[in-house]
Amino acid sequence: MKIRLWVAAAACALCETAWAAPVNVSEPYVELAAGVAARSKLAFDGVDASLDSGPAVSIAAGFARFIGPVDLRLDYAATDRDSCQVICFVNRGVTSGSVMLSALANFPLGERWDGYAGAGAGIVRVQAEHKDNAFSSNDYSGSDNVFGWQLVGGARVQAFDGPVRLFLEYRYQKSRNAEIDGHSVEYHGSSVIFGARWTF
């Protein structure tokens, strides 16, 4: 509950200077991005496990300058990470798919550059697989839908004259522990993605 309140407060703080501005729906956009979900330590039944880095992708739609300098964005993001690629005693893997609604505050960095930071909340589908090569009774797999939140920061550049902007973004995402086949799986992740925004 404390985390939910903290995320809500952060999103409200981003919009604090823009509450007096009218809502703007004249600049809809779509974004496509791909990158890397970084190495991370997750916990399976409270036991830490290091996962290797893996692919991360994102697709989003929203409104630029929805309220003053604040964008509104709905995004779907997916990651895939494993703990062992060749030979190991225990294989663990976590795949996530999330739908988040975020508020992103923009600030200028130069003539063609702008930065942004924000927060969001939504649903994370955590799919986990735990395979013990020594004791098959410890094997389990499945998925769970849980509440999650994210923090976002990045920079955009207008590389060409036109509606396309390129961006580089860092995203930290965390959710409640997923309950999978009677086991608890802690989920969080950091991703760095590169993409393009097309504004209509």
C-alpha atoms as a PDB file:
ATOM      1  CA  MET A   1       0.000   0.000   0.000  1.00  0.00           C
ATOM      2  CA  LYS A   2       2.842   2.408   0.843  1.00  0.00           C
ATOM      3  CA  ILE A   3       4.399   1.819  -2.581  1.00  0.00           C
ATOM      4  CA  ARG A   4       1.114   2.543  -4.344  1.00  0.00           C
ATOM      5  CA  LEU A   5       0.691   5.805  -2.439  1.00  0.00           C
ATOM      6  CA  TRP A   6       4.297   6.790  -3.165  1.00  0.00           C
ATOM      7  CA  VAL A   7       3.868   6.186  -6.915  1.00  0.00           C
ATOM      8  CA  ALA A   8       0.581   8.118  -6.960  1.00  0.00           C
ATOM      9  CA  ALA A   9       2.229  11.014  -5.118  1.00  0.00           C
ATOM     10  CA  ALA A  10       5.139  11.042  -7.585  1.00  0.00           C
ATOM     11  CA  ALA A  11       2.763  11.148 -10.558  1.00  0.00           C
ATOM     12  CA  CYS A  12       0.788  13.989  -8.965  1.00  0.00           C
ATOM     13  CA  ALA A  13       3.983  15.929  -8.230  1.00  0.00           C
ATOM     14  CA  LEU A  14       4.932  15.746 -11.908  1.00  0.00           C
ATOM     15  CA  CYS A  15       1.643  17.375 -12.829  1.00  0.00           C
ATOM     16  CA  GLU A  16       1.609  19.949 -10.024  1.00  0.00           C
ATOM     17  CA  THR A  17       2.728  22.883 -12.190  1.00  0.00           C
ATOM     18  CA  ALA A  18       0.361  21.944 -15.001  1.00  0.00           C
ATOM     19  CA  TRP A  19      -3.008  21.580 -13.263  1.00  0.00           C
ATOM     20  CA  ALA A  20      -4.183  24.983 -14.537  1.00  0.00           C
ATOM     21  CA  ALA A  21      -3.434  24.076 -18.179  1.00  0.00           C
ATOM     22  CA  PRO A  22      -6.236  22.746 -20.394  1.00  0.00           C
ATOM     23  CA  VAL A  23      -6.251  19.114 -21.513  1.00  0.00           C
ATOM     24  CA  ASN A  24      -4.684  18.737 -24.973  1.00  0.00           C
ATOM     25  CA  VAL A  25      -5.557  15.800 -27.266  1.00  0.00           C
ATOM     26  CA  SER A  26      -4.323  17.409 -30.489  1.00  0.00           C
ATOM     27  CA  GLU A  27      -0.901  15.702 -30.435  1.00  0.00           C
ATOM     28  CA  PRO A  28      -1.458  11.911 -30.332  1.00  0.00           C
ATOM     29  CA  TYR A  29       1.609   9.740 -30.827  1.00  0.00           C
ATOM     30  CA  VAL A  30       2.804   6.155 -31.056  1.00  0.00           C
ATOM     31  CA  GLU A  31       6.182   4.765 -29.963  1.00  0.00           C
ATOM     32  CA  LEU A  32       8.135   1.620 -30.789  1.00  0.00           C
ATOM     33  CA  ALA A  33      11.281   0.648 -28.893  1.00  0.00           C
ATOM     34  CA  ALA A  34      13.627  -2.256 -28.202  1.00  0.00           C
ATOM     35  CA  GLY A  35      16.595  -2.760 -25.924  1.00  0.00           C
ATOM     36  CA  VAL A  36      17.992  -4.754 -23.034  1.00  0.00           C
ATOM     37  CA  ALA A  37      16.563  -5.834 -19.694  1.00  0.00           C
ATOM     38  CA  ALA A  38      19.619  -5.648 -17.450  1.00  0.00           C
ATOM     39  CA  ARG A  39      20.939  -8.314 -15.094  1.00  0.00           C
ATOM     40  CA  SER A  40      18.997  -8.451 -11.873  1.00  0.00           C
ATOM     41  CA  LYS A  41      18.566 -10.371  -8.649  1.00  0.00           C
ATOM     42  CA  LEU A  42      15.122 -11.797  -8.121  1.00  0.00           C
ATOM     43  CA  ALA A  43      13.926 -14.040  -5.312  1.00  0.00           C
ATOM     44  CA  PHE A  44      12.295 -17.450  -5.689  1.00  0.00           C
ATOM     45  CA  ASP A  45      10.589 -18.385  -2.390  1.00  0.00           C
ATOM     46  CA  GLY A  46      12.794 -15.795  -0.689  1.00  0.00           C
ATOM     47  CA  VAL A  47      16.052 -17.189  -2.121  1.00  0.00           C
ATOM     48  CA  ASP A  48      17.994 -14.718  -4.299  1.00  0.00           C
ATOM     49  CA  ALA A  49      18.798 -15.751  -7.872  1.00  0.00           C
ATOM     50  CA  SER A  50      20.836 -13.764 -10.386  1.00  0.00           C
ATOM     51  CA  LEU A  51      19.294 -13.558 -13.850  1.00  0.00           C
ATOM     52  CA  ASP A  52      21.228 -12.710 -17.008  1.00  0.00           C
ATOM     53  CA  SER A  53      20.279  -9.753 -19.167  1.00  0.00           C
ATOM     54  CA  GLY A  54      17.766 -10.340 -21.964  1.00  0.00           C
ATOM     55  CA  PRO A  55      15.646  -8.587 -24.591  1.00  0.00           C
ATOM     56  CA  ALA A  56      13.134  -5.853 -23.833  1.00  0.00           C
ATOM     57  CA  VAL A  57      10.530  -4.372 -26.182  1.00  0.00           C
ATOM     58  CA  SER A  58       7.869  -1.705 -25.830  1.00  0.00           C
ATOM     59  CA  ILE A  59       4.959  -0.268 -27.792  1.00  0.00           C
ATOM     60  CA  ALA A  60       3.078   2.807 -26.596  1.00  0.00           C
ATOM     61  CA  ALA A  61       0.469   5.397 -27.503  1.00  0.00           C
ATOM     62  CA  GLY A  62      -0.400   8.666 -25.856  1.00  0.00           C
ATOM     63  CA  PHE A  63      -0.826  12.402 -26.046  1.00  0.00           C
ATOM     64  CA  ALA A  64       2.078  14.862 -26.063  1.00  0.00           C
ATOM     65  CA  ARG A  65       1.629  17.881 -23.781  1.00  0.00           C
ATOM     66  CA  PHE A  66      -1.582  16.328 -22.438  1.00  0.00           C
ATOM     67  CA  ILE A  67      -1.621  18.788 -19.523  1.00  0.00           C
ATOM     68  CA  GLY A  68       0.928  21.570 -19.948  1.00  0.00           C
ATOM     69  CA  PRO A  69       4.393  19.974 -20.279  1.00  0.00           C
ATOM     70  CA  VAL A  70       3.159  16.537 -19.154  1.00  0.00           C
ATOM     71  CA  ASP A  71       2.622  13.647 -21.590  1.00  0.00           C
ATOM     72  CA  LEU A  72       0.107  10.876 -20.928  1.00  0.00           C
ATOM     73  CA  ARG A  73       1.262   7.438 -22.136  1.00  0.00           C
ATOM     74  CA  LEU A  74      -0.195   3.920 -22.179  1.00  0.00           C
ATOM     75  CA  ASP A  75       2.493   1.340 -22.896  1.00  0.00           C
ATOM     76  CA  TYR A  76       2.917  -2.395 -23.220  1.00  0.00           C
ATOM     77  CA  ALA A  77       6.410  -3.658 -22.372  1.00  0.00           C
ATOM     78  CA  ALA A  78       7.868  -7.161 -22.332  1.00  0.00           C
ATOM     79  CA  THR A  79      11.125  -8.610 -20.991  1.00  0.00           C
ATOM     80  CA  ASP A  80      12.715 -12.058 -20.946  1.00  0.00           C
ATOM     81  CA  ARG A  81      15.555 -13.101 -18.598  1.00  0.00           C
ATOM     82  CA  ASP A  82      17.144 -16.447 -17.699  1.00  0.00           C
ATOM     83  CA  SER A  83      19.631 -17.536 -15.050  1.00  0.00           C
ATOM     84  CA  CYS A  84      21.514 -20.130 -17.099  1.00  0.00           C
ATOM     85  CA  GLN A  85      22.196 -20.446 -20.806  1.00  0.00           C
ATOM     86  CA  VAL A  86      24.374 -23.607 -21.075  1.00  0.00           C
ATOM     87  CA  ILE A  87      24.881 -26.008 -18.131  1.00  0.00           C
ATOM     88  CA  CYS A  88      23.749 -25.438 -14.569  1.00  0.00           C
ATOM     89  CA  PHE A  89      22.032 -27.283 -11.751  1.00  0.00           C
ATOM     90  CA  VAL A  90      19.004 -24.977 -11.504  1.00  0.00           C
ATOM     91  CA  ASN A  91      17.458 -23.108 -14.426  1.00  0.00           C
ATOM     92  CA  ARG A  92      15.281 -20.107 -13.677  1.00  0.00           C
ATOM     93  CA  GLY A  93      13.571 -17.802 -16.104  1.00  0.00           C
ATOM     94  CA  VAL A  94      11.197 -14.861 -15.842  1.00  0.00           C
ATOM     95  CA  THR A  95       9.193 -13.318 -18.670  1.00  0.00           C
ATOM     96  CA  SER A  96       7.111 -10.223 -18.018  1.00  0.00           C
ATOM     97  CA  GLY A  97       4.429  -8.372 -19.906  1.00  0.00           C
ATOM     98  CA  SER A  98       3.115  -5.114 -18.460  1.00  0.00           C
ATOM     99  CA  VAL A  99       0.468  -2.533 -19.267  1.00  0.00           C
ATOM    100  CA  MET A 100       1.184   0.812 -17.595  1.00  0.00           C
ATOM    101  CA  LEU A 101      -0.404   4.261 -17.652  1.00  0.00           C
ATOM    102  CA  SER A 102       2.272   6.897 -17.051  1.00  0.00           C
ATOM    103  CA  ALA A 103       2.625  10.663 -16.710  1.00  0.00           C
ATOM    104  CA  LEU A 104       5.877  12.031 -18.183  1.00  0.00           C
ATOM    105  CA  ALA A 105       7.066  15.579 -17.491  1.00  0.00           C
ATOM    106  CA  ASN A 106       9.105  17.161 -20.313  1.00  0.00           C
ATOM    107  CA  PHE A 107      11.921  19.686 -19.947  1.00  0.00           C
ATOM    108  CA  PRO A 108      14.043  21.306 -22.713  1.00  0.00           C
ATOM    109  CA  LEU A 109      17.709  20.347 -23.136  1.00  0.00           C
ATOM    110  CA  GLY A 110      18.482  22.319 -26.283  1.00  0.00           C
ATOM    111  CA  GLU A 111      17.130  23.345 -29.673  1.00  0.00           C
ATOM    112  CA  ARG A 112      16.311  19.791 -30.797  1.00  0.00           C
ATOM    113  CA  TRP A 113      16.638  17.935 -27.488  1.00  0.00           C
ATOM    114  CA  ASP A 114      14.289  17.465 -24.573  1.00  0.00           C
ATOM    115  CA  GLY A 115      14.422  15.278 -21.485  1.00  0.00           C
ATOM    116  CA  TYR A 116      11.595  13.637 -19.605  1.00  0.00           C
ATOM    117  CA  ALA A 117      10.908  11.827 -16.349  1.00  0.00           C
ATOM    118  CA  GLY A 118       7.816  10.240 -14.936  1.00  0.00           C
ATOM    119  CA  ALA A 119       6.028   7.447 -13.143  1.00  0.00           C
ATOM    120  CA  GLY A 120       3.254   5.019 -13.905  1.00  0.00           C
ATOM    121  CA  ALA A 121       1.200   2.139 -12.578  1.00  0.00           C
ATOM    122  CA  GLY A 122      -0.682  -0.811 -13.991  1.00  0.00           C
ATOM    123  CA  ILE A 123      -0.692  -4.591 -14.315  1.00  0.00           C
ATOM    124  CA  VAL A 124       2.301  -6.917 -14.736  1.00  0.00           C
ATOM    125  CA  ARG A 125       1.933 -10.488 -15.960  1.00  0.00           C
ATOM    126  CA  VAL A 126       4.840 -12.422 -14.460  1.00  0.00           C
ATOM    127  CA  GLN A 127       5.598 -15.797 -16.037  1.00  0.00           C
ATOM    128  CA  ALA A 128       8.257 -17.850 -14.247  1.00  0.00           C
ATOM    129  CA  GLU A 129       9.886 -21.220 -14.744  1.00  0.00           C
ATOM    130  CA  HIS A 130      11.974 -22.977 -12.101  1.00  0.00           C
ATOM    131  CA  LYS A 131      13.697 -26.219 -13.101  1.00  0.00           C
ATOM    132  CA  ASP A 132      15.914 -28.184 -10.721  1.00  0.00           C
ATOM    133  CA  ASN A 133      18.034 -30.643 -12.708  1.00  0.00           C
ATOM    134  CA  ALA A 134      18.860 -32.613  -9.558  1.00  0.00           C
ATOM    135  CA  PHE A 135      15.398 -32.776  -7.938  1.00  0.00           C
ATOM    136  CA  SER A 136      12.487 -32.730 -10.368  1.00  0.00           C
ATOM    137  CA  SER A 137      10.095 -32.363  -7.426  1.00  0.00           C
ATOM    138  CA  ASN A 138      11.309 -28.752  -7.158  1.00  0.00           C
ATOM    139  CA  ASP A 139      10.172 -27.930 -10.710  1.00  0.00           C
ATOM    140  CA  TYR A 140       7.338 -25.468 -11.202  1.00  0.00           C
ATOM    141  CA  SER A 141       6.123 -22.946 -13.753  1.00  0.00           C
ATOM    142  CA  GLY A 142       3.176 -20.677 -14.369  1.00  0.00           C
ATOM    143  CA  SER A 143       2.102 -17.053 -14.406  1.00  0.00           C
ATOM    144  CA  ASP A 144       0.346 -14.467 -12.261  1.00  0.00           C
ATOM    145  CA  ASN A 145      -1.127 -11.002 -12.875  1.00  0.00           C
ATOM    146  CA  VAL A 146      -0.111  -8.507 -10.185  1.00  0.00           C
ATOM    147  CA  PHE A 147      -0.162  -4.767  -9.541  1.00  0.00           C
ATOM    148  CA  GLY A 148       3.035  -3.011 -10.627  1.00  0.00           C
ATOM    149  CA  TRP A 149       4.579   0.422 -10.989  1.00  0.00           C
ATOM    150  CA  GLN A 150       7.437   2.012 -12.919  1.00  0.00           C
ATOM    151  CA  LEU A 151       9.796   4.984 -12.946  1.00  0.00           C
ATOM    152  CA  VAL A 152      10.891   6.346 -16.314  1.00  0.00           C
ATOM    153  CA  GLY A 153      13.554   8.771 -17.528  1.00  0.00           C
ATOM    154  CA  GLY A 154      15.051   9.570 -20.902  1.00  0.00           C
ATOM    155  CA  ALA A 155      15.885  12.019 -23.649  1.00  0.00           C
ATOM    156  CA  ARG A 156      14.480  12.669 -27.135  1.00  0.00           C
ATOM    157  CA  VAL A 157      15.999  14.305 -30.190  1.00  0.00           C
ATOM    158  CA  GLN A 158      14.369  15.565 -33.364  1.00  0.00           C
ATOM    159  CA  ALA A 159      16.828  14.031 -35.798  1.00  0.00           C
ATOM    160  CA  PHE A 160      14.993  15.167 -38.917  1.00  0.00           C
ATOM    161  CA  ASP A 161      12.485  17.863 -39.777  1.00  0.00           C
ATOM    162  CA  GLY A 162       9.176  16.112 -39.367  1.00  0.00           C
ATOM    163  CA  PRO A 163       7.002  14.241 -36.858  1.00  0.00           C
ATOM    164  CA  VAL A 164       9.606  11.636 -35.788  1.00  0.00           C
ATOM    165  CA  ARG A 165      11.714  11.869 -32.635  1.00  0.00           C
ATOM    166  CA  LEU A 166      14.294   9.323 -31.517  1.00  0.00           C
ATOM    167  CA  PHE A 167      14.640   8.544 -27.827  1.00  0.00           C
ATOM    168  CA  LEU A 168      16.763   6.657 -25.319  1.00  0.00           C
ATOM    169  CA  GLU A 169      14.939   5.593 -22.151  1.00  0.00           C
ATOM    170  CA  TYR A 170      15.672   3.972 -18.814  1.00  0.00           C
ATOM    171  CA  ARG A 171      12.799   2.186 -17.087  1.00  0.00           C
ATOM    172  CA  TYR A 172      12.649   0.628 -13.624  1.00  0.00           C
ATOM    173  CA  GLN A 173       9.678  -1.616 -12.985  1.00  0.00           C
ATOM    174  CA  LYS A 174       8.540  -3.453  -9.872  1.00  0.00           C
ATOM    175  CA  SER A 175       5.477  -5.394  -8.832  1.00  0.00           C
ATOM    176  CA  ARG A 176       4.039  -7.291  -5.917  1.00  0.00           C
ATOM    177  CA  ASN A 177       5.376 -10.810  -5.545  1.00  0.00           C
ATOM    178  CA  ALA A 178       3.769 -13.204  -8.005  1.00  0.00           C
ATOM    179  CA  GLU A 179       2.245 -16.407  -6.653  1.00  0.00           C
ATOM    180  CA  ILE A 180       3.039 -19.215  -9.081  1.00  0.00           C
ATOM    181  CA  ASP A 181       2.044 -22.834  -8.476  1.00  0.00           C
ATOM    182  CA  GLY A 182       2.205 -22.275  -4.708  1.00  0.00           C
ATOM    183  CA  HIS A 183       5.566 -20.472  -4.878  1.00  0.00           C
ATOM    184  CA  SER A 184       6.462 -16.798  -4.426  1.00  0.00           C
ATOM    185  CA  VAL A 185       8.470 -15.043  -7.154  1.00  0.00           C
ATOM    186  CA  GLU A 186       9.725 -11.503  -6.589  1.00  0.00           C
ATOM    187  CA  TYR A 187       9.727  -9.401  -9.746  1.00  0.00           C
ATOM    188  CA  HIS A 188      11.564  -6.198 -10.607  1.00  0.00           C
ATOM    189  CA  GLY A 189      13.621  -5.095 -13.581  1.00  0.00           C
ATOM    190  CA  SER A 190      15.654  -2.330 -15.186  1.00  0.00           C
ATOM    191  CA  SER A 191      15.556  -1.812 -18.946  1.00  0.00           C
ATOM    192  CA  VAL A 192      17.354   0.484 -21.363  1.00  0.00           C
ATOM    193  CA  ILE A 193      15.531   0.898 -24.667  1.00  0.00           C
ATOM    194  CA  PHE A 194      16.027   2.874 -27.882  1.00  0.00           C
ATOM    195  CA  GLY A 195      13.084   3.837 -30.022  1.00  0.00           C
ATOM    196  CA  ALA A 196      11.143   6.300 -32.125  1.00  0.00           C
ATOM    197  CA  ARG A 197       8.063   8.438 -31.504  1.00  0.00           C
ATOM    198  CA  TRP A 198       5.729   9.417 -34.338  1.00  0.00           C
ATOM    199  CA  THR A 199       3.440  12.366 -33.523  1.00  0.00           C
ATOM    200  CA  PHE A 200       0.335  12.853 -35.662  1.00  0.00           C
END
